[in-house]
Amino acid sequence: MTAPESVLLAKLTAALDSVLRGADVAARILGTLPETAVDFAALDDLRATGARALLKAVEQAQDLLARIFRTYLIAEQIDISEMTARDIANRMEKYGMLADAAAWSGLVRLRNRLAHEYPVSPTEQRERVVDALAAVPLLRSIRDGLLPTLHTKGYLA
């Protein structure tokens, strides 16, 4: 691997770790998710900010993982110029660095919803938070699955 790729992977994984810690903090600020949309809409400012921070953290974590995937493949001298996101996920699954490409595709769809759509209805807003809370352990698991290979191959110190 070239030095720039090593540096980039180190920066991306450090950023990912920070974002995942931020997701944990946001979830603690949010506290117990209200059972109903009415109660969700009535969250105080601090808890509502925790909910929004959680959504942003999930969006950023998925994006950082995708960038790590692409950087790894480039480091392995694989031409990704014509690969779709699904192709990249399938390749990462084949290498044993991603347990389930289909689950990854679900995270990509969630990230796209979080980044490009803001629901007006409190019911839909609450559903996004439920989805984001469920995504955090999966994002962390994917990160944990990448690290051994990145270390073993000398891509990370």
N, C-alpha and C. Protein backbone atom coordinates (compact mmCIF):
# COMPACT_ATOMS: atom_id res chain seq x y z
N MET A 1 0.84 -1.17 0.00
CA MET A 1 0.00 0.00 0.00
C MET A 1 0.88 1.23 0.00
N THR A 2 0.43 2.24 -0.67
CA THR A 2 1.18 3.48 -0.69
C THR A 2 0.94 4.24 0.60
N ALA A 3 1.87 5.12 0.92
CA ALA A 3 1.75 5.91 2.14
C ALA A 3 0.46 6.74 2.16
N PRO A 4 0.07 7.38 1.04
CA PRO A 4 -1.17 8.17 1.11
C PRO A 4 -2.39 7.33 1.47
N GLU A 5 -2.45 6.09 1.00
CA GLU A 5 -3.60 5.24 1.34
C GLU A 5 -3.58 4.87 2.80
N SER A 6 -2.41 4.58 3.34
CA SER A 6 -2.30 4.27 4.77
C SER A 6 -2.75 5.45 5.62
N VAL A 7 -2.28 6.63 5.23
CA VAL A 7 -2.66 7.84 5.97
C VAL A 7 -4.17 8.05 5.88
N LEU A 8 -4.72 7.89 4.69
CA LEU A 8 -6.16 8.08 4.51
C LEU A 8 -6.96 7.07 5.32
N LEU A 9 -6.57 5.80 5.29
CA LEU A 9 -7.29 4.79 6.06
C LEU A 9 -7.21 5.09 7.56
N ALA A 10 -6.06 5.55 8.03
CA ALA A 10 -5.93 5.90 9.45
C ALA A 10 -6.86 7.06 9.80
N LYS A 11 -6.93 8.06 8.94
CA LYS A 11 -7.82 9.20 9.19
C LYS A 11 -9.29 8.78 9.15
N LEU A 12 -9.63 7.95 8.18
CA LEU A 12 -11.02 7.51 8.05
C LEU A 12 -11.45 6.66 9.24
N THR A 13 -10.60 5.75 9.68
CA THR A 13 -10.98 4.90 10.82
C THR A 13 -11.04 5.71 12.11
N ALA A 14 -10.14 6.70 12.27
CA ALA A 14 -10.21 7.56 13.46
C ALA A 14 -11.50 8.38 13.43
N ALA A 15 -11.85 8.91 12.27
CA ALA A 15 -13.10 9.67 12.15
C ALA A 15 -14.30 8.78 12.44
N LEU A 16 -14.27 7.55 11.94
CA LEU A 16 -15.36 6.61 12.18
C LEU A 16 -15.50 6.32 13.67
N ASP A 17 -14.40 6.08 14.34
CA ASP A 17 -14.46 5.83 15.78
C ASP A 17 -15.08 7.02 16.51
N SER A 18 -14.69 8.23 16.12
CA SER A 18 -15.24 9.43 16.74
C SER A 18 -16.74 9.55 16.49
N VAL A 19 -17.16 9.28 15.27
CA VAL A 19 -18.58 9.38 14.93
C VAL A 19 -19.39 8.33 15.70
N LEU A 20 -18.87 7.12 15.83
CA LEU A 20 -19.58 6.09 16.57
C LEU A 20 -19.66 6.43 18.06
N ARG A 21 -18.60 7.03 18.61
CA ARG A 21 -18.69 7.51 20.00
C ARG A 21 -19.76 8.60 20.10
N GLY A 22 -19.82 9.46 19.10
CA GLY A 22 -20.84 10.51 19.08
C GLY A 22 -22.24 9.94 19.02
N ALA A 23 -22.41 8.83 18.29
CA ALA A 23 -23.72 8.18 18.23
C ALA A 23 -24.12 7.68 19.61
N ASP A 24 -23.16 7.14 20.34
CA ASP A 24 -23.45 6.67 21.70
C ASP A 24 -23.85 7.83 22.61
N VAL A 25 -23.13 8.94 22.50
CA VAL A 25 -23.46 10.12 23.32
C VAL A 25 -24.85 10.63 22.94
N ALA A 26 -25.13 10.71 21.65
CA ALA A 26 -26.44 11.18 21.19
C ALA A 26 -27.57 10.29 21.73
N ALA A 27 -27.34 8.98 21.71
CA ALA A 27 -28.36 8.05 22.22
C ALA A 27 -28.57 8.25 23.72
N ARG A 28 -27.49 8.52 24.45
CA ARG A 28 -27.64 8.78 25.89
C ARG A 28 -28.41 10.08 26.13
N ILE A 29 -28.13 11.09 25.32
CA ILE A 29 -28.85 12.37 25.46
C ILE A 29 -30.34 12.16 25.14
N LEU A 30 -30.62 11.41 24.10
CA LEU A 30 -32.00 11.11 23.74
C LEU A 30 -32.70 10.36 24.87
N GLY A 31 -31.99 9.42 25.47
CA GLY A 31 -32.59 8.61 26.52
C GLY A 31 -33.56 7.59 25.94
N THR A 32 -34.47 7.15 26.75
CA THR A 32 -35.46 6.17 26.30
C THR A 32 -36.33 6.78 25.22
N LEU A 33 -36.45 6.10 24.11
CA LEU A 33 -37.25 6.61 23.00
C LEU A 33 -38.72 6.59 23.40
N PRO A 34 -39.41 7.71 23.23
CA PRO A 34 -40.84 7.73 23.55
C PRO A 34 -41.60 6.68 22.75
N GLU A 35 -42.62 6.11 23.39
CA GLU A 35 -43.41 5.04 22.77
C GLU A 35 -44.29 5.53 21.62
N THR A 36 -44.72 6.78 21.69
CA THR A 36 -45.67 7.28 20.69
C THR A 36 -45.10 8.47 19.95
N ALA A 37 -45.67 8.73 18.77
CA ALA A 37 -45.28 9.89 17.99
C ALA A 37 -45.62 11.19 18.72
N VAL A 38 -46.72 11.19 19.44
CA VAL A 38 -47.12 12.38 20.20
C VAL A 38 -46.06 12.71 21.25
N ASP A 39 -45.62 11.69 21.97
CA ASP A 39 -44.59 11.90 22.99
C ASP A 39 -43.25 12.26 22.33
N PHE A 40 -42.97 11.67 21.18
CA PHE A 40 -41.74 12.00 20.46
C PHE A 40 -41.75 13.48 20.06
N ALA A 41 -42.87 13.95 19.54
CA ALA A 41 -42.99 15.36 19.13
C ALA A 41 -42.84 16.30 20.31
N ALA A 42 -43.10 15.81 21.52
CA ALA A 42 -43.03 16.64 22.72
C ALA A 42 -41.68 16.58 23.43
N LEU A 43 -40.68 15.96 22.80
CA LEU A 43 -39.35 15.90 23.43
C LEU A 43 -38.86 17.30 23.74
N ASP A 44 -38.17 17.43 24.87
CA ASP A 44 -37.57 18.73 25.17
C ASP A 44 -36.42 18.99 24.19
N ASP A 45 -35.93 20.22 24.18
CA ASP A 45 -34.93 20.62 23.19
C ASP A 45 -33.66 19.75 23.26
N LEU A 46 -33.21 19.44 24.46
CA LEU A 46 -31.99 18.65 24.60
C LEU A 46 -32.17 17.26 24.01
N ARG A 47 -33.26 16.59 24.35
CA ARG A 47 -33.49 15.24 23.84
C ARG A 47 -33.74 15.25 22.33
N ALA A 48 -34.43 16.26 21.84
CA ALA A 48 -34.65 16.37 20.39
C ALA A 48 -33.33 16.58 19.66
N THR A 49 -32.43 17.34 20.27
CA THR A 49 -31.10 17.54 19.68
C THR A 49 -30.33 16.22 19.68
N GLY A 50 -30.47 15.43 20.73
CA GLY A 50 -29.85 14.10 20.77
C GLY A 50 -30.35 13.22 19.63
N ALA A 51 -31.66 13.29 19.37
CA ALA A 51 -32.23 12.50 18.27
C ALA A 51 -31.64 12.92 16.93
N ARG A 52 -31.57 14.24 16.70
CA ARG A 52 -31.01 14.72 15.43
C ARG A 52 -29.53 14.37 15.31
N ALA A 53 -28.80 14.47 16.41
CA ALA A 53 -27.38 14.13 16.38
C ALA A 53 -27.18 12.65 16.08
N LEU A 54 -28.05 11.82 16.60
CA LEU A 54 -27.99 10.39 16.32
C LEU A 54 -28.18 10.13 14.82
N LEU A 55 -29.17 10.77 14.23
CA LEU A 55 -29.43 10.59 12.79
C LEU A 55 -28.20 10.99 11.98
N LYS A 56 -27.60 12.11 12.33
CA LYS A 56 -26.42 12.58 11.59
C LYS A 56 -25.25 11.63 11.79
N ALA A 57 -25.07 11.12 12.98
CA ALA A 57 -23.96 10.19 13.24
C ALA A 57 -24.10 8.92 12.42
N VAL A 58 -25.31 8.39 12.31
CA VAL A 58 -25.52 7.18 11.51
C VAL A 58 -25.23 7.47 10.04
N GLU A 59 -25.69 8.61 9.56
CA GLU A 59 -25.41 9.00 8.17
C GLU A 59 -23.91 9.08 7.94
N GLN A 60 -23.19 9.74 8.83
CA GLN A 60 -21.75 9.91 8.67
C GLN A 60 -20.99 8.60 8.81
N ALA A 61 -21.40 7.74 9.74
CA ALA A 61 -20.71 6.47 9.93
C ALA A 61 -20.83 5.59 8.69
N GLN A 62 -22.01 5.54 8.10
CA GLN A 62 -22.17 4.74 6.88
C GLN A 62 -21.29 5.29 5.77
N ASP A 63 -21.26 6.61 5.64
CA ASP A 63 -20.44 7.23 4.60
C ASP A 63 -18.95 6.93 4.82
N LEU A 64 -18.50 7.03 6.05
CA LEU A 64 -17.09 6.75 6.34
C LEU A 64 -16.74 5.29 6.04
N LEU A 65 -17.62 4.38 6.40
CA LEU A 65 -17.37 2.96 6.09
C LEU A 65 -17.29 2.75 4.58
N ALA A 66 -18.15 3.40 3.82
CA ALA A 66 -18.11 3.26 2.36
C ALA A 66 -16.78 3.79 1.82
N ARG A 67 -16.31 4.88 2.38
CA ARG A 67 -15.01 5.43 1.95
C ARG A 67 -13.87 4.49 2.32
N ILE A 68 -13.96 3.86 3.49
CA ILE A 68 -12.94 2.87 3.88
C ILE A 68 -12.95 1.69 2.90
N PHE A 69 -14.14 1.21 2.56
CA PHE A 69 -14.24 0.11 1.60
C PHE A 69 -13.54 0.47 0.29
N ARG A 70 -13.87 1.64 -0.25
CA ARG A 70 -13.30 2.05 -1.54
C ARG A 70 -11.79 2.21 -1.44
N THR A 71 -11.33 2.82 -0.37
CA THR A 71 -9.89 3.03 -0.20
C THR A 71 -9.16 1.70 -0.09
N TYR A 72 -9.73 0.76 0.64
CA TYR A 72 -9.13 -0.56 0.76
C TYR A 72 -9.01 -1.23 -0.61
N LEU A 73 -10.07 -1.20 -1.38
CA LEU A 73 -10.03 -1.84 -2.69
C LEU A 73 -9.01 -1.18 -3.61
N ILE A 74 -8.93 0.12 -3.56
CA ILE A 74 -7.91 0.83 -4.36
C ILE A 74 -6.52 0.41 -3.91
N ALA A 75 -6.32 0.30 -2.60
CA ALA A 75 -5.02 -0.14 -2.06
C ALA A 75 -4.67 -1.54 -2.54
N GLU A 76 -5.70 -2.34 -2.74
CA GLU A 76 -5.50 -3.70 -3.23
C GLU A 76 -5.38 -3.73 -4.76
N GLN A 77 -5.30 -2.56 -5.35
CA GLN A 77 -5.15 -2.38 -6.80
C GLN A 77 -6.32 -2.94 -7.59
N ILE A 78 -7.50 -2.75 -7.04
CA ILE A 78 -8.73 -3.16 -7.72
C ILE A 78 -9.36 -1.90 -8.32
N ASP A 79 -9.67 -1.97 -9.58
CA ASP A 79 -10.29 -0.84 -10.27
C ASP A 79 -11.76 -0.78 -9.87
N ILE A 80 -12.11 0.28 -9.15
CA ILE A 80 -13.49 0.42 -8.69
C ILE A 80 -14.29 1.41 -9.55
N SER A 81 -13.69 1.89 -10.61
CA SER A 81 -14.31 2.96 -11.39
C SER A 81 -15.67 2.59 -11.95
N GLU A 82 -15.89 1.33 -12.22
CA GLU A 82 -17.19 0.92 -12.77
C GLU A 82 -17.99 0.05 -11.80
N MET A 83 -17.54 0.01 -10.54
CA MET A 83 -18.24 -0.80 -9.54
C MET A 83 -19.35 0.02 -8.89
N THR A 84 -20.50 -0.61 -8.73
CA THR A 84 -21.59 0.01 -7.98
C THR A 84 -21.32 -0.18 -6.48
N ALA A 85 -22.09 0.52 -5.67
CA ALA A 85 -21.97 0.33 -4.22
C ALA A 85 -22.24 -1.12 -3.85
N ARG A 86 -23.18 -1.75 -4.53
CA ARG A 86 -23.48 -3.16 -4.26
C ARG A 86 -22.31 -4.05 -4.66
N ASP A 87 -21.66 -3.75 -5.79
CA ASP A 87 -20.48 -4.51 -6.21
C ASP A 87 -19.38 -4.44 -5.15
N ILE A 88 -19.18 -3.24 -4.64
CA ILE A 88 -18.15 -3.05 -3.61
C ILE A 88 -18.51 -3.84 -2.36
N ALA A 89 -19.77 -3.80 -1.96
CA ALA A 89 -20.20 -4.55 -0.78
C ALA A 89 -20.02 -6.05 -1.00
N ASN A 90 -20.37 -6.53 -2.17
CA ASN A 90 -20.19 -7.96 -2.47
C ASN A 90 -18.71 -8.35 -2.40
N ARG A 91 -17.85 -7.49 -2.88
CA ARG A 91 -16.41 -7.77 -2.84
C ARG A 91 -15.92 -7.79 -1.40
N MET A 92 -16.40 -6.86 -0.58
CA MET A 92 -15.98 -6.83 0.82
C MET A 92 -16.49 -8.06 1.56
N GLU A 93 -17.68 -8.51 1.21
CA GLU A 93 -18.22 -9.74 1.80
C GLU A 93 -17.36 -10.93 1.37
N LYS A 94 -17.00 -10.99 0.11
CA LYS A 94 -16.16 -12.07 -0.41
C LYS A 94 -14.82 -12.13 0.33
N TYR A 95 -14.27 -10.97 0.67
CA TYR A 95 -13.00 -10.91 1.39
C TYR A 95 -13.15 -11.19 2.88
N GLY A 96 -14.38 -11.37 3.35
CA GLY A 96 -14.60 -11.63 4.77
C GLY A 96 -14.54 -10.40 5.64
N MET A 97 -14.60 -9.23 5.02
CA MET A 97 -14.53 -7.99 5.78
C MET A 97 -15.92 -7.40 6.03
N LEU A 98 -16.93 -8.02 5.46
CA LEU A 98 -18.31 -7.60 5.64
C LEU A 98 -19.13 -8.88 5.74
N ALA A 99 -19.85 -9.03 6.83
CA ALA A 99 -20.58 -10.28 7.07
C ALA A 99 -21.77 -10.46 6.13
N ASP A 100 -22.41 -9.36 5.76
CA ASP A 100 -23.67 -9.47 5.03
C ASP A 100 -23.85 -8.26 4.10
N ALA A 101 -23.61 -8.47 2.81
CA ALA A 101 -23.74 -7.37 1.84
C ALA A 101 -25.17 -6.84 1.79
N ALA A 102 -26.14 -7.70 2.01
CA ALA A 102 -27.55 -7.26 1.99
C ALA A 102 -27.83 -6.31 3.17
N ALA A 103 -27.28 -6.61 4.32
CA ALA A 103 -27.45 -5.72 5.48
C ALA A 103 -26.79 -4.37 5.20
N TRP A 104 -25.64 -4.42 4.54
CA TRP A 104 -24.97 -3.17 4.16
C TRP A 104 -25.85 -2.36 3.22
N SER A 105 -26.49 -3.02 2.28
CA SER A 105 -27.38 -2.30 1.36
C SER A 105 -28.52 -1.62 2.11
N GLY A 106 -29.00 -2.26 3.16
CA GLY A 106 -30.01 -1.64 4.00
C GLY A 106 -29.49 -0.38 4.68
N LEU A 107 -28.23 -0.42 5.11
CA LEU A 107 -27.62 0.77 5.71
C LEU A 107 -27.46 1.89 4.68
N VAL A 108 -27.12 1.52 3.45
CA VAL A 108 -27.00 2.53 2.39
C VAL A 108 -28.36 3.20 2.16
N ARG A 109 -29.41 2.40 2.10
CA ARG A 109 -30.76 2.97 1.92
C ARG A 109 -31.13 3.88 3.09
N LEU A 110 -30.81 3.44 4.32
CA LEU A 110 -31.10 4.27 5.49
C LEU A 110 -30.33 5.58 5.41
N ARG A 111 -29.06 5.51 5.09
CA ARG A 111 -28.25 6.72 4.98
C ARG A 111 -28.85 7.67 3.94
N ASN A 112 -29.28 7.14 2.82
CA ASN A 112 -29.88 7.99 1.79
C ASN A 112 -31.16 8.65 2.28
N ARG A 113 -31.98 7.90 3.01
CA ARG A 113 -33.20 8.49 3.58
C ARG A 113 -32.85 9.60 4.59
N LEU A 114 -31.84 9.34 5.41
CA LEU A 114 -31.46 10.32 6.42
C LEU A 114 -30.89 11.58 5.77
N ALA A 115 -30.12 11.41 4.71
CA ALA A 115 -29.45 12.54 4.08
C ALA A 115 -30.35 13.34 3.16
N HIS A 116 -31.33 12.71 2.56
CA HIS A 116 -32.08 13.38 1.49
C HIS A 116 -33.55 13.62 1.78
N GLU A 117 -34.07 13.08 2.85
CA GLU A 117 -35.48 13.25 3.15
C GLU A 117 -35.63 13.65 4.61
N TYR A 118 -36.41 14.68 4.86
CA TYR A 118 -36.73 15.02 6.24
C TYR A 118 -38.24 14.90 6.41
N PRO A 119 -38.67 13.88 7.11
CA PRO A 119 -40.11 13.69 7.27
C PRO A 119 -40.72 14.77 8.15
N VAL A 120 -41.91 15.19 7.78
CA VAL A 120 -42.62 16.21 8.54
C VAL A 120 -43.39 15.59 9.70
N SER A 121 -43.92 14.41 9.47
CA SER A 121 -44.75 13.75 10.47
C SER A 121 -43.92 13.23 11.64
N PRO A 122 -44.36 13.49 12.88
CA PRO A 122 -43.66 12.94 14.05
C PRO A 122 -43.57 11.41 14.02
N THR A 123 -44.56 10.75 13.43
CA THR A 123 -44.50 9.29 13.33
C THR A 123 -43.31 8.87 12.48
N GLU A 124 -43.14 9.50 11.33
CA GLU A 124 -42.01 9.17 10.46
C GLU A 124 -40.69 9.59 11.08
N GLN A 125 -40.67 10.72 11.77
CA GLN A 125 -39.45 11.16 12.44
C GLN A 125 -39.03 10.14 13.49
N ARG A 126 -39.98 9.68 14.27
CA ARG A 126 -39.69 8.67 15.29
C ARG A 126 -39.18 7.39 14.66
N GLU A 127 -39.80 6.98 13.54
CA GLU A 127 -39.36 5.76 12.85
C GLU A 127 -37.90 5.88 12.39
N ARG A 128 -37.50 7.05 11.93
CA ARG A 128 -36.11 7.25 11.52
C ARG A 128 -35.16 7.07 12.71
N VAL A 129 -35.57 7.57 13.85
CA VAL A 129 -34.74 7.43 15.05
C VAL A 129 -34.66 5.96 15.45
N VAL A 130 -35.78 5.25 15.38
CA VAL A 130 -35.78 3.81 15.68
C VAL A 130 -34.80 3.10 14.75
N ASP A 131 -34.87 3.42 13.46
CA ASP A 131 -33.96 2.79 12.47
C ASP A 131 -32.50 3.13 12.77
N ALA A 132 -32.26 4.38 13.14
CA ALA A 132 -30.89 4.80 13.44
C ALA A 132 -30.35 4.09 14.68
N LEU A 133 -31.18 3.99 15.71
CA LEU A 133 -30.75 3.27 16.92
C LEU A 133 -30.39 1.82 16.60
N ALA A 134 -31.17 1.20 15.72
CA ALA A 134 -30.90 -0.19 15.34
C ALA A 134 -29.65 -0.30 14.48
N ALA A 135 -29.33 0.75 13.75
CA ALA A 135 -28.18 0.72 12.83
C ALA A 135 -26.84 0.81 13.55
N VAL A 136 -26.79 1.48 14.69
CA VAL A 136 -25.51 1.72 15.36
C VAL A 136 -24.76 0.43 15.68
N PRO A 137 -25.38 -0.59 16.27
CA PRO A 137 -24.63 -1.83 16.52
C PRO A 137 -24.14 -2.49 15.23
N LEU A 138 -24.92 -2.41 14.17
CA LEU A 138 -24.50 -2.98 12.90
C LEU A 138 -23.31 -2.21 12.32
N LEU A 139 -23.35 -0.91 12.39
CA LEU A 139 -22.22 -0.10 11.92
C LEU A 139 -20.95 -0.43 12.70
N ARG A 140 -21.11 -0.57 14.01
CA ARG A 140 -19.95 -0.90 14.85
C ARG A 140 -19.42 -2.30 14.52
N SER A 141 -20.33 -3.23 14.27
CA SER A 141 -19.94 -4.59 13.92
C SER A 141 -19.18 -4.62 12.58
N ILE A 142 -19.64 -3.83 11.64
CA ILE A 142 -18.94 -3.76 10.35
C ILE A 142 -17.56 -3.17 10.54
N ARG A 143 -17.46 -2.10 11.33
CA ARG A 143 -16.15 -1.52 11.62
C ARG A 143 -15.23 -2.56 12.26
N ASP A 144 -15.77 -3.29 13.24
CA ASP A 144 -14.96 -4.30 13.92
C ASP A 144 -14.53 -5.41 12.97
N GLY A 145 -15.34 -5.71 11.97
CA GLY A 145 -14.98 -6.73 10.99
C GLY A 145 -13.89 -6.30 10.02
N LEU A 146 -13.78 -5.00 9.80
CA LEU A 146 -12.75 -4.47 8.89
C LEU A 146 -11.38 -4.40 9.54
N LEU A 147 -11.35 -4.06 10.80
CA LEU A 147 -10.08 -3.74 11.46
C LEU A 147 -9.04 -4.86 11.43
N PRO A 148 -9.41 -6.11 11.70
CA PRO A 148 -8.37 -7.14 11.68
C PRO A 148 -7.63 -7.24 10.34
N THR A 149 -8.37 -7.19 9.25
CA THR A 149 -7.72 -7.27 7.93
C THR A 149 -6.85 -6.05 7.69
N LEU A 150 -7.35 -4.87 8.03
CA LEU A 150 -6.56 -3.67 7.81
C LEU A 150 -5.26 -3.71 8.62
N HIS A 151 -5.33 -4.23 9.84
CA HIS A 151 -4.12 -4.36 10.66
C HIS A 151 -3.21 -5.46 10.12
N THR A 152 -3.76 -6.63 9.81
CA THR A 152 -2.97 -7.76 9.35
C THR A 152 -2.20 -7.43 8.07
N LYS A 153 -2.84 -6.72 7.18
CA LYS A 153 -2.19 -6.36 5.92
C LYS A 153 -1.27 -5.17 6.06
N GLY A 154 -1.19 -4.60 7.25
CA GLY A 154 -0.30 -3.48 7.48
C GLY A 154 -0.85 -2.14 7.02
N TYR A 155 -2.13 -2.09 6.76
CA TYR A 155 -2.75 -0.85 6.30
C TYR A 155 -2.97 0.12 7.44
N LEU A 156 -3.10 -0.43 8.66
CA LEU A 156 -3.22 0.39 9.87
C LEU A 156 -2.15 -0.06 10.84
N ALA A 157 -1.61 0.89 11.57
CA ALA A 157 -0.56 0.57 12.55
C ALA A 157 -1.17 -0.12 13.76
